[in-house]
Amino acid sequence: MPLSDVKVRNLTQPGRYADGEGLYLQVTPHGRRYWRMKYRFSGKEKLLAFGVYPVVGIKEAREKRFAAKQALSRGEDPGAIKKAAKQKVLQECWRRPETEPVLQVVPK
């Protein structure tokens, strides 16, 4: 049976609570709630993190699960896609803009 927003809000017992199709909510002993999806790719079991509840709600977690399932059906690893996107963002953040002046040492 899929989770509801009321049920998720009231979960306090640590454990994993399944929503279906590999998606579950992991509740830690400290009461934090994390959306995760378990899947298999190339014969290996993998885990994909979608975010923390309530920042990522049920609807958004299910949409992310749907996108991950589509990637799997195309033969792509959703974890690798997420990692590549994250790497691209990091590279963009650290790239020096072309218009930024380069410091030059001027002799006295």
Protein backbone atom coordinates (compact mmCIF):
# COMPACT_ATOMS: atom_id res chain seq x y z
CA MET A 1 0.00 0.00 0.00
CA PRO A 2 1.48 3.38 -1.00
CA LEU A 3 2.37 5.90 1.67
CA SER A 4 0.21 8.96 2.31
CA ASP A 5 1.36 12.39 3.44
CA VAL A 6 -0.38 11.98 6.81
CA LYS A 7 1.27 8.60 7.41
CA VAL A 8 4.72 9.94 6.47
CA ARG A 9 4.33 12.94 8.80
CA ASN A 10 3.41 10.69 11.72
CA LEU A 11 6.23 8.15 11.27
CA THR A 12 8.59 8.16 14.23
CA GLN A 13 9.72 4.53 14.47
CA PRO A 14 13.12 4.00 12.74
CA GLY A 15 12.98 1.77 9.69
CA ARG A 16 12.18 1.57 6.01
CA TYR A 17 8.65 2.21 4.80
CA ALA A 18 7.92 1.08 1.23
CA ASP A 19 5.92 3.19 -1.20
CA GLY A 20 6.24 0.81 -4.14
CA GLU A 21 8.42 0.10 -7.19
CA GLY A 22 11.63 0.36 -5.16
CA LEU A 23 10.83 3.72 -3.52
CA TYR A 24 10.89 3.86 0.25
CA LEU A 25 11.19 6.32 3.11
CA GLN A 26 14.00 5.65 5.53
CA VAL A 27 13.44 6.98 9.05
CA THR A 28 16.56 7.29 11.20
CA PRO A 29 16.71 6.91 14.98
CA HIS A 30 16.96 10.72 15.18
CA GLY A 31 13.66 11.08 13.30
CA ARG A 32 15.04 12.26 9.96
CA ARG A 33 13.25 10.98 6.88
CA TYR A 34 15.07 10.24 3.61
CA TRP A 35 13.58 9.20 0.26
CA ARG A 36 15.53 6.35 -1.34
CA MET A 37 15.08 4.03 -4.31
CA LYS A 38 16.59 0.60 -4.56
CA TYR A 39 17.23 -0.73 -8.07
CA ARG A 40 19.41 -3.15 -9.99
CA PHE A 41 21.72 -2.21 -12.85
CA SER A 42 24.12 -4.60 -14.60
CA GLY A 43 23.31 -7.26 -12.03
CA LYS A 44 24.26 -5.06 -9.07
CA GLU A 45 21.93 -3.67 -6.45
CA LYS A 46 22.18 0.11 -6.17
CA LEU A 47 20.65 2.86 -4.08
CA LEU A 48 19.52 6.27 -5.28
CA ALA A 49 18.81 9.14 -2.86
CA PHE A 50 16.05 11.61 -3.73
CA GLY A 51 16.18 13.97 -0.76
CA VAL A 52 14.91 14.69 2.71
CA TYR A 53 11.25 14.82 3.69
CA PRO A 54 9.53 17.40 3.90
CA VAL A 55 11.81 19.30 1.46
CA VAL A 56 11.07 16.56 -1.07
CA GLY A 57 7.42 15.57 -0.76
CA ILE A 58 5.74 12.33 -1.78
CA LYS A 59 4.69 13.65 -5.18
CA GLU A 60 8.21 14.84 -6.08
CA ALA A 61 9.79 11.59 -4.84
CA ARG A 62 7.39 9.60 -7.02
CA GLU A 63 8.21 11.80 -10.02
CA LYS A 64 11.92 11.20 -9.46
CA ARG A 65 11.25 7.46 -9.17
CA PHE A 66 9.37 7.58 -12.49
CA ALA A 67 12.28 9.39 -14.17
CA ALA A 68 14.75 6.84 -12.75
CA LYS A 69 12.59 3.97 -14.02
CA GLN A 70 12.51 5.56 -17.48
CA ALA A 71 16.32 5.81 -17.48
CA LEU A 72 16.55 2.14 -16.50
CA SER A 73 14.21 1.17 -19.33
CA ARG A 74 16.52 3.03 -21.76
CA GLY A 75 19.45 1.03 -20.41
CA GLU A 76 21.00 3.92 -18.49
CA ASP A 77 22.10 3.97 -14.85
CA PRO A 78 20.11 6.68 -13.00
CA GLY A 79 22.86 6.94 -10.38
CA ALA A 80 25.45 7.67 -13.07
CA ILE A 81 23.15 10.27 -14.64
CA LYS A 82 22.71 12.01 -11.29
CA LYS A 83 26.46 11.89 -10.62
CA ALA A 84 27.28 13.36 -14.05
CA ALA A 85 24.76 16.18 -13.57
CA LYS A 86 26.22 16.97 -10.15
CA GLN A 87 29.76 16.98 -11.59
CA LYS A 88 28.68 19.36 -14.35
CA VAL A 89 27.20 21.79 -11.81
CA LEU A 90 30.39 21.67 -9.76
CA GLN A 91 32.51 22.37 -12.83
CA GLU A 92 30.31 25.35 -13.73
CA CYS A 93 30.65 26.75 -10.21
CA TRP A 94 34.43 26.52 -10.22
CA ARG A 95 35.01 27.73 -13.77
CA ARG A 96 36.49 31.21 -13.90
CA PRO A 97 34.37 33.56 -16.01
CA GLU A 98 36.05 34.71 -19.22
CA THR A 99 35.48 38.35 -18.29
CA GLU A 100 37.24 38.10 -14.94
CA PRO A 101 40.50 40.05 -15.03
CA VAL A 102 43.70 38.14 -14.44
CA LEU A 103 45.88 39.60 -11.71
CA GLN A 104 49.20 40.82 -12.96
CA VAL A 105 52.25 41.60 -10.92
CA VAL A 106 53.46 45.10 -11.67
CA PRO A 107 57.14 45.77 -10.82
CA LYS A 108 57.91 48.84 -8.68
